């Protein structure tokens, strides 16, 4: 398996697993990652959709790209953009919101690392 496919498969698994977890257990996953749960039924539904549905769909697309060797460059660019965007927004949040959890810091490090790894794969 080539380096590009490894990067895409890794993202496929992480995105799909994270997304599926949010679809089925939004309160538990939110509590574990941010120390807070969605506050009402509408926020749980939106969490399932935004974090769950979107992340699962991205994971499936990254897996499809790796499995079929189709749109590899586009998939890697998307990984890079997502990771850079998430890391930038997370950094901004840490600056304006102040205190962050250990999860937030680990997520930031992972996003920065994956941005670098996906850029190297292009």
C-alpha atoms as a PDB file:
ATOM      1  CA  UNK A   1       0.000   0.000   0.000  1.00  0.00           C
ATOM      2  CA  UNK A   2       1.410   3.404  -0.933  1.00  0.00           C
ATOM      3  CA  UNK A   3       1.814   6.389   1.390  1.00  0.00           C
ATOM      4  CA  UNK A   4      -1.151   8.283  -0.065  1.00  0.00           C
ATOM      5  CA  UNK A   5      -3.485   5.339   0.497  1.00  0.00           C
ATOM      6  CA  UNK A   6      -2.260   4.884   4.073  1.00  0.00           C
ATOM      7  CA  UNK A   7      -3.022   8.542   4.858  1.00  0.00           C
ATOM      8  CA  UNK A   8      -6.480   8.229   3.317  1.00  0.00           C
ATOM      9  CA  UNK A   9      -7.290   4.929   5.072  1.00  0.00           C
ATOM     10  CA  UNK A  10      -6.182   6.369   8.402  1.00  0.00           C
ATOM     11  CA  UNK A  11      -8.496   9.335   7.906  1.00  0.00           C
ATOM     12  CA  UNK A  12     -11.296   7.079   6.682  1.00  0.00           C
ATOM     13  CA  UNK A  13     -11.191   5.029   9.876  1.00  0.00           C
ATOM     14  CA  UNK A  14     -10.867   7.994  12.241  1.00  0.00           C
ATOM     15  CA  UNK A  15     -13.553  10.103  10.579  1.00  0.00           C
ATOM     16  CA  UNK A  16     -16.016   7.221  10.219  1.00  0.00           C
ATOM     17  CA  UNK A  17     -15.491   5.949  13.772  1.00  0.00           C
ATOM     18  CA  UNK A  18     -15.773   9.446  15.253  1.00  0.00           C
ATOM     19  CA  UNK A  19     -18.856  10.160  13.161  1.00  0.00           C
ATOM     20  CA  UNK A  20     -20.612   6.902  13.998  1.00  0.00           C
ATOM     21  CA  UNK A  21     -19.901   7.460  17.691  1.00  0.00           C
ATOM     22  CA  UNK A  22     -21.547  10.901  17.497  1.00  0.00           C
ATOM     23  CA  UNK A  23     -24.575   9.505  15.630  1.00  0.00           C
ATOM     24  CA  UNK A  24     -25.293   6.895  18.291  1.00  0.00           C
ATOM     25  CA  UNK A  25     -23.844   8.404  21.495  1.00  0.00           C
ATOM     26  CA  UNK A  26     -23.799  12.210  21.134  1.00  0.00           C
ATOM     27  CA  UNK A  27     -24.022  12.920  24.866  1.00  0.00           C
ATOM     28  CA  UNK A  28     -21.265  10.517  25.852  1.00  0.00           C
ATOM     29  CA  UNK A  29     -18.846  11.545  23.092  1.00  0.00           C
ATOM     30  CA  UNK A  30     -19.445  15.256  23.652  1.00  0.00           C
ATOM     31  CA  UNK A  31     -18.949  14.827  27.401  1.00  0.00           C
ATOM     32  CA  UNK A  32     -15.724  12.869  26.862  1.00  0.00           C
ATOM     33  CA  UNK A  33     -14.278  15.410  24.444  1.00  0.00           C
ATOM     34  CA  UNK A  34     -15.500  18.752  25.794  1.00  0.00           C
ATOM     35  CA  UNK A  35     -16.727  17.960  29.308  1.00  0.00           C
ATOM     36  CA  UNK A  36     -20.231  19.119  28.303  1.00  0.00           C
ATOM     37  CA  UNK A  37     -23.267  17.465  26.737  1.00  0.00           C
ATOM     38  CA  UNK A  38     -25.696  18.895  24.196  1.00  0.00           C
ATOM     39  CA  UNK A  39     -28.331  20.752  26.218  1.00  0.00           C
ATOM     40  CA  UNK A  40     -31.602  19.656  24.610  1.00  0.00           C
ATOM     41  CA  UNK A  41     -33.140  17.353  21.995  1.00  0.00           C
ATOM     42  CA  UNK A  42     -32.560  19.784  19.114  1.00  0.00           C
ATOM     43  CA  UNK A  43     -28.883  20.198  19.978  1.00  0.00           C
ATOM     44  CA  UNK A  44     -28.473  16.405  20.200  1.00  0.00           C
ATOM     45  CA  UNK A  45     -30.078  16.025  16.770  1.00  0.00           C
ATOM     46  CA  UNK A  46     -27.809  18.715  15.329  1.00  0.00           C
ATOM     47  CA  UNK A  47     -24.767  17.072  16.952  1.00  0.00           C
ATOM     48  CA  UNK A  48     -25.742  13.725  15.423  1.00  0.00           C
ATOM     49  CA  UNK A  49     -26.079  15.391  12.019  1.00  0.00           C
ATOM     50  CA  UNK A  50     -23.165  17.817  11.999  1.00  0.00           C
ATOM     51  CA  UNK A  51     -20.548  15.760  13.805  1.00  0.00           C
ATOM     52  CA  UNK A  52     -21.991  12.321  13.147  1.00  0.00           C
ATOM     53  CA  UNK A  53     -23.366  12.464   9.649  1.00  0.00           C
ATOM     54  CA  UNK A  54     -20.766  14.754   8.140  1.00  0.00           C
ATOM     55  CA  UNK A  55     -17.786  12.976   9.703  1.00  0.00           C
ATOM     56  CA  UNK A  56     -19.121   9.556   8.700  1.00  0.00           C
ATOM     57  CA  UNK A  57     -19.665  10.711   5.114  1.00  0.00           C
ATOM     58  CA  UNK A  58     -16.145  12.128   4.920  1.00  0.00           C
ATOM     59  CA  UNK A  59     -14.721   8.888   6.292  1.00  0.00           C
ATOM     60  CA  UNK A  60     -16.599   6.876   3.688  1.00  0.00           C
ATOM     61  CA  UNK A  61     -15.375   9.159   0.906  1.00  0.00           C
ATOM     62  CA  UNK A  62     -11.750   8.930   2.039  1.00  0.00           C
ATOM     63  CA  UNK A  63     -12.090   5.132   2.172  1.00  0.00           C
ATOM     64  CA  UNK A  64     -13.669   5.027  -1.276  1.00  0.00           C
ATOM     65  CA  UNK A  65     -10.872   7.191  -2.703  1.00  0.00           C
ATOM     66  CA  UNK A  66      -8.219   4.929  -1.179  1.00  0.00           C
ATOM     67  CA  UNK A  67      -9.938   1.685  -2.178  1.00  0.00           C
ATOM     68  CA  UNK A  68     -10.632   2.669  -5.774  1.00  0.00           C
ATOM     69  CA  UNK A  69      -7.529   4.831  -6.246  1.00  0.00           C
ATOM     70  CA  UNK A  70      -9.933   7.463  -7.586  1.00  0.00           C
ATOM     71  CA  UNK A  71      -9.627  11.155  -6.776  1.00  0.00           C
ATOM     72  CA  UNK A  72      -6.567  10.556  -4.590  1.00  0.00           C
ATOM     73  CA  UNK A  73      -5.246  14.096  -5.002  1.00  0.00           C
ATOM     74  CA  UNK A  74      -8.652  15.643  -4.327  1.00  0.00           C
ATOM     75  CA  UNK A  75      -9.113  13.488  -1.217  1.00  0.00           C
ATOM     76  CA  UNK A  76      -5.674  14.424   0.125  1.00  0.00           C
ATOM     77  CA  UNK A  77      -6.328  18.104  -0.533  1.00  0.00           C
ATOM     78  CA  UNK A  78      -9.595  17.780   1.356  1.00  0.00           C
ATOM     79  CA  UNK A  79      -7.821  16.109   4.303  1.00  0.00           C
ATOM     80  CA  UNK A  80      -5.278  18.935   4.309  1.00  0.00           C
ATOM     81  CA  UNK A  81      -7.958  21.632   4.177  1.00  0.00           C
ATOM     82  CA  UNK A  82     -10.090  20.017   6.883  1.00  0.00           C
ATOM     83  CA  UNK A  83      -7.137  19.515   9.214  1.00  0.00           C
ATOM     84  CA  UNK A  84      -5.742  23.013   8.638  1.00  0.00           C
ATOM     85  CA  UNK A  85      -9.198  24.505   9.103  1.00  0.00           C
ATOM     86  CA  UNK A  86      -9.887  22.559  12.285  1.00  0.00           C
ATOM     87  CA  UNK A  87      -6.453  23.358  13.729  1.00  0.00           C
ATOM     88  CA  UNK A  88      -6.835  27.063  12.898  1.00  0.00           C
ATOM     89  CA  UNK A  89     -10.296  27.262  14.427  1.00  0.00           C
ATOM     90  CA  UNK A  90      -9.153  25.277  17.478  1.00  0.00           C
ATOM     91  CA  UNK A  91      -6.193  27.623  17.987  1.00  0.00           C
ATOM     92  CA  UNK A  92      -8.479  30.619  17.647  1.00  0.00           C
ATOM     93  CA  UNK A  93     -10.851  29.107  20.203  1.00  0.00           C
ATOM     94  CA  UNK A  94      -7.998  28.492  22.619  1.00  0.00           C
ATOM     95  CA  UNK A  95      -6.996  32.157  22.314  1.00  0.00           C
ATOM     96  CA  UNK A  96     -10.449  33.726  22.650  1.00  0.00           C
ATOM     97  CA  UNK A  97     -12.071  31.154  24.946  1.00  0.00           C
ATOM     98  CA  UNK A  98      -9.128  30.555  27.248  1.00  0.00           C
ATOM     99  CA  UNK A  99      -8.927  27.304  29.152  1.00  0.00           C
ATOM    100  CA  UNK A 100      -8.790  24.108  27.108  1.00  0.00           C
ATOM    101  CA  UNK A 101      -8.910  20.450  28.010  1.00  0.00           C
ATOM    102  CA  UNK A 102      -6.267  17.815  27.436  1.00  0.00           C
ATOM    103  CA  UNK A 103      -8.426  16.456  24.608  1.00  0.00           C
ATOM    104  CA  UNK A 104      -8.384  19.849  22.863  1.00  0.00           C
ATOM    105  CA  UNK A 105      -4.587  19.960  22.989  1.00  0.00           C
ATOM    106  CA  UNK A 106      -4.240  16.376  21.734  1.00  0.00           C
ATOM    107  CA  UNK A 107      -6.737  17.059  18.939  1.00  0.00           C
ATOM    108  CA  UNK A 108      -4.787  20.157  17.908  1.00  0.00           C
ATOM    109  CA  UNK A 109      -1.538  18.200  17.769  1.00  0.00           C
ATOM    110  CA  UNK A 110      -3.204  15.432  15.732  1.00  0.00           C
ATOM    111  CA  UNK A 111      -4.736  17.943  13.303  1.00  0.00           C
ATOM    112  CA  UNK A 112      -1.419  19.704  12.767  1.00  0.00           C
ATOM    113  CA  UNK A 113       0.382  16.384  12.282  1.00  0.00           C
ATOM    114  CA  UNK A 114      -2.202  15.124   9.789  1.00  0.00           C
ATOM    115  CA  UNK A 115      -2.083  18.430   7.877  1.00  0.00           C
ATOM    116  CA  UNK A 116       1.686  18.005   7.506  1.00  0.00           C
ATOM    117  CA  UNK A 117       1.412  14.315   6.588  1.00  0.00           C
ATOM    118  CA  UNK A 118      -1.287  14.930   3.980  1.00  0.00           C
ATOM    119  CA  UNK A 119       0.669  17.853   2.505  1.00  0.00           C
ATOM    120  CA  UNK A 120       3.700  15.567   2.235  1.00  0.00           C
ATOM    121  CA  UNK A 121       1.556  12.991   0.410  1.00  0.00           C
ATOM    122  CA  UNK A 122       0.557  15.474  -2.292  1.00  0.00           C
END
